[in-house]
C-alpha atoms as a PDB file:
ATOM      1  CA  MET A   1      16.026 -48.834  17.074  1.00  0.00           C
ATOM      2  CA  ALA A   2      19.466 -50.408  17.105  1.00  0.00           C
ATOM      3  CA  LYS A   3      21.704 -49.619  14.153  1.00  0.00           C
ATOM      4  CA  THR A   4      24.031 -52.140  12.577  1.00  0.00           C
ATOM      5  CA  VAL A   5      27.293 -51.505  10.766  1.00  0.00           C
ATOM      6  CA  ALA A   6      25.387 -52.093   7.500  1.00  0.00           C
ATOM      7  CA  ASP A   7      22.869 -49.402   8.539  1.00  0.00           C
ATOM      8  CA  VAL A   8      25.705 -46.951   9.124  1.00  0.00           C
ATOM      9  CA  MET A   9      27.337 -47.695   5.787  1.00  0.00           C
ATOM     10  CA  LYS A  10      23.965 -47.228   4.074  1.00  0.00           C
ATOM     11  CA  MET A  11      23.575 -43.885   5.882  1.00  0.00           C
ATOM     12  CA  VAL A  12      26.997 -42.839   4.575  1.00  0.00           C
ATOM     13  CA  GLU A  13      26.031 -43.701   1.013  1.00  0.00           C
ATOM     14  CA  GLU A  14      22.488 -42.276   1.064  1.00  0.00           C
ATOM     15  CA  ASN A  15      23.576 -38.976   2.620  1.00  0.00           C
ATOM     16  CA  GLU A  16      26.730 -38.620   0.524  1.00  0.00           C
ATOM     17  CA  VAL A  17      28.793 -38.213   3.699  1.00  0.00           C
ATOM     18  CA  LYS A  18      32.098 -36.385   3.208  1.00  0.00           C
ATOM     19  CA  PHE A  19      33.600 -36.698   6.716  1.00  0.00           C
ATOM     20  CA  VAL A  20      33.335 -38.993   9.735  1.00  0.00           C
ATOM     21  CA  ASP A  21      33.771 -37.500  13.197  1.00  0.00           C
ATOM     22  CA  PHE A  22      34.873 -39.989  15.890  1.00  0.00           C
ATOM     23  CA  ARG A  23      33.903 -38.662  19.333  1.00  0.00           C
ATOM     24  CA  LEU A  24      34.938 -39.597  22.851  1.00  0.00           C
ATOM     25  CA  THR A  25      34.638 -38.103  26.302  1.00  0.00           C
ATOM     26  CA  GLY A  26      37.645 -37.293  28.453  1.00  0.00           C
ATOM     27  CA  ASP A  27      37.720 -38.075  32.160  1.00  0.00           C
ATOM     28  CA  MET A  28      36.773 -34.488  33.044  1.00  0.00           C
ATOM     29  CA  GLY A  29      33.650 -34.705  30.863  1.00  0.00           C
ATOM     30  CA  MET A  30      35.046 -32.689  27.968  1.00  0.00           C
ATOM     31  CA  GLN A  31      34.165 -34.034  24.542  1.00  0.00           C
ATOM     32  CA  HIS A  32      37.019 -34.699  22.108  1.00  0.00           C
ATOM     33  CA  ASP A  33      36.921 -35.722  18.487  1.00  0.00           C
ATOM     34  CA  THR A  34      38.961 -36.571  15.454  1.00  0.00           C
ATOM     35  CA  THR A  35      37.577 -36.184  11.953  1.00  0.00           C
ATOM     36  CA  VAL A  36      38.594 -38.142   8.870  1.00  0.00           C
ATOM     37  CA  PRO A  37      37.543 -37.952   5.229  1.00  0.00           C
ATOM     38  CA  VAL A  38      34.994 -40.632   4.349  1.00  0.00           C
ATOM     39  CA  SER A  39      37.636 -42.207   2.073  1.00  0.00           C
ATOM     40  CA  HIS A  40      39.399 -43.323   5.308  1.00  0.00           C
ATOM     41  CA  PHE A  41      36.250 -44.947   6.735  1.00  0.00           C
ATOM     42  CA  ASP A  42      34.935 -48.457   6.145  1.00  0.00           C
ATOM     43  CA  GLU A  43      33.343 -51.397   7.973  1.00  0.00           C
ATOM     44  CA  GLU A  44      36.723 -52.385   9.413  1.00  0.00           C
ATOM     45  CA  LYS A  45      36.718 -49.298  11.687  1.00  0.00           C
ATOM     46  CA  PHE A  46      34.005 -51.000  13.774  1.00  0.00           C
ATOM     47  CA  THR A  47      36.317 -53.901  14.639  1.00  0.00           C
ATOM     48  CA  ALA A  48      39.897 -52.723  14.101  1.00  0.00           C
ATOM     49  CA  GLY A  49      39.202 -49.204  15.320  1.00  0.00           C
ATOM     50  CA  HIS A  50      40.771 -45.861  14.518  1.00  0.00           C
ATOM     51  CA  ALA A  51      44.147 -45.073  16.062  1.00  0.00           C
ATOM     52  CA  PHE A  52      44.618 -41.880  18.048  1.00  0.00           C
ATOM     53  CA  ASP A  53      47.167 -40.322  20.375  1.00  0.00           C
ATOM     54  CA  GLY A  54      46.053 -40.770  23.996  1.00  0.00           C
ATOM     55  CA  SER A  55      48.613 -38.209  25.176  1.00  0.00           C
ATOM     56  CA  SER A  56      46.475 -35.516  23.523  1.00  0.00           C
ATOM     57  CA  ILE A  57      43.906 -35.967  26.335  1.00  0.00           C
ATOM     58  CA  ALA A  58      45.136 -34.425  29.588  1.00  0.00           C
ATOM     59  CA  GLY A  59      46.026 -37.061  32.190  1.00  0.00           C
ATOM     60  CA  TRP A  60      45.471 -40.105  29.987  1.00  0.00           C
ATOM     61  CA  LYS A  61      48.820 -41.244  28.617  1.00  0.00           C
ATOM     62  CA  GLY A  62      52.428 -40.233  28.421  1.00  0.00           C
ATOM     63  CA  ILE A  63      53.891 -39.626  24.990  1.00  0.00           C
ATOM     64  CA  GLU A  64      56.032 -42.787  25.215  1.00  0.00           C
ATOM     65  CA  ALA A  65      52.951 -45.091  25.347  1.00  0.00           C
ATOM     66  CA  SER A  66      50.197 -43.005  23.833  1.00  0.00           C
ATOM     67  CA  ASP A  67      48.687 -45.241  21.142  1.00  0.00           C
ATOM     68  CA  MET A  68      44.984 -45.960  21.648  1.00  0.00           C
ATOM     69  CA  GLN A  69      42.093 -47.158  19.483  1.00  0.00           C
ATOM     70  CA  LEU A  70      38.623 -45.678  19.001  1.00  0.00           C
ATOM     71  CA  ILE A  71      35.932 -48.291  18.346  1.00  0.00           C
ATOM     72  CA  PRO A  72      32.803 -46.591  16.979  1.00  0.00           C
ATOM     73  CA  ASP A  73      29.378 -47.603  18.286  1.00  0.00           C
ATOM     74  CA  PRO A  74      27.006 -47.948  15.305  1.00  0.00           C
ATOM     75  CA  ASN A  75      24.020 -47.131  17.548  1.00  0.00           C
ATOM     76  CA  THR A  76      25.331 -43.582  17.938  1.00  0.00           C
ATOM     77  CA  ALA A  77      25.537 -42.801  14.211  1.00  0.00           C
ATOM     78  CA  ASN A  78      23.913 -39.524  13.219  1.00  0.00           C
ATOM     79  CA  ILE A  79      24.408 -36.839  10.630  1.00  0.00           C
ATOM     80  CA  ASP A  80      25.659 -33.656  12.294  1.00  0.00           C
ATOM     81  CA  PRO A  81      23.293 -30.863  11.192  1.00  0.00           C
ATOM     82  CA  PHE A  82      25.786 -28.079  11.932  1.00  0.00           C
ATOM     83  CA  PHE A  83      28.665 -28.898   9.592  1.00  0.00           C
ATOM     84  CA  GLU A  84      28.743 -27.327   6.131  1.00  0.00           C
ATOM     85  CA  GLU A  85      29.979 -30.597   4.604  1.00  0.00           C
ATOM     86  CA  THR A  86      27.889 -33.684   5.373  1.00  0.00           C
ATOM     87  CA  THR A  87      29.508 -35.246   8.440  1.00  0.00           C
ATOM     88  CA  LEU A  88      28.633 -38.487  10.201  1.00  0.00           C
ATOM     89  CA  ILE A  89      29.236 -38.492  13.950  1.00  0.00           C
ATOM     90  CA  LEU A  90      30.012 -41.648  15.918  1.00  0.00           C
ATOM     91  CA  THR A  91      30.596 -41.953  19.654  1.00  0.00           C
ATOM     92  CA  CYS A  92      33.439 -44.357  20.374  1.00  0.00           C
ATOM     93  CA  ASP A  93      34.759 -46.671  23.055  1.00  0.00           C
ATOM     94  CA  VAL A  94      38.440 -46.208  23.848  1.00  0.00           C
ATOM     95  CA  ILE A  95      40.507 -49.393  23.701  1.00  0.00           C
ATOM     96  CA  GLU A  96      44.063 -50.168  24.782  1.00  0.00           C
ATOM     97  CA  PRO A  97      45.664 -51.689  21.662  1.00  0.00           C
ATOM     98  CA  SER A  98      48.190 -53.657  23.729  1.00  0.00           C
ATOM     99  CA  ASP A  99      45.524 -55.920  25.268  1.00  0.00           C
ATOM    100  CA  GLY A 100      42.261 -55.019  23.483  1.00  0.00           C
ATOM    101  CA  LYS A 101      40.595 -54.005  26.746  1.00  0.00           C
ATOM    102  CA  ALA A 102      38.541 -50.913  27.433  1.00  0.00           C
ATOM    103  CA  SER A 103      40.561 -47.988  28.761  1.00  0.00           C
ATOM    104  CA  ASP A 104      40.342 -47.340  32.501  1.00  0.00           C
ATOM    105  CA  ARG A 105      40.219 -43.606  31.666  1.00  0.00           C
ATOM    106  CA  ASP A 106      37.255 -43.746  29.280  1.00  0.00           C
ATOM    107  CA  PRO A 107      34.033 -42.598  31.029  1.00  0.00           C
ATOM    108  CA  ARG A 108      31.933 -44.575  28.535  1.00  0.00           C
ATOM    109  CA  SER A 109      33.799 -47.798  29.372  1.00  0.00           C
ATOM    110  CA  ILE A 110      33.576 -47.057  33.111  1.00  0.00           C
ATOM    111  CA  ALA A 111      29.810 -46.573  32.819  1.00  0.00           C
ATOM    112  CA  LYS A 112      29.443 -49.852  30.898  1.00  0.00           C
ATOM    113  CA  ARG A 113      31.401 -51.755  33.557  1.00  0.00           C
ATOM    114  CA  ALA A 114      29.332 -50.143  36.324  1.00  0.00           C
ATOM    115  CA  ALA A 115      26.060 -51.065  34.595  1.00  0.00           C
ATOM    116  CA  ALA A 116      27.256 -54.637  34.052  1.00  0.00           C
ATOM    117  CA  SER A 117      28.111 -55.007  37.751  1.00  0.00           C
ATOM    118  CA  LEU A 118      24.533 -54.106  38.694  1.00  0.00           C
ATOM    119  CA  THR A 119      23.045 -57.040  36.842  1.00  0.00           C
END
């Protein structure tokens, strides 16, 4: 069942979420994440994104042009059962803030483009 942004926000409220963990996959298949307190999470994250430093992922960006955006996918929202504090996890698309396009380094974006070319 597809989840909407409203579904995710309801999940946050009903589960008394304390942290939100934004996850992405690097080009070598290693999972990366950045976690924020729920006070820094709202509906706007699904459109404006969450800024992160692309130079922190090996081979992605140089430090001089490292700004990138994480756009969470509401369909991936789940409560992580392993954290002591209630934590919502969201898998994200990686976007280039300069042009709003999907990053050429993001395996998730590459897979989406590949699937789209098959139809």
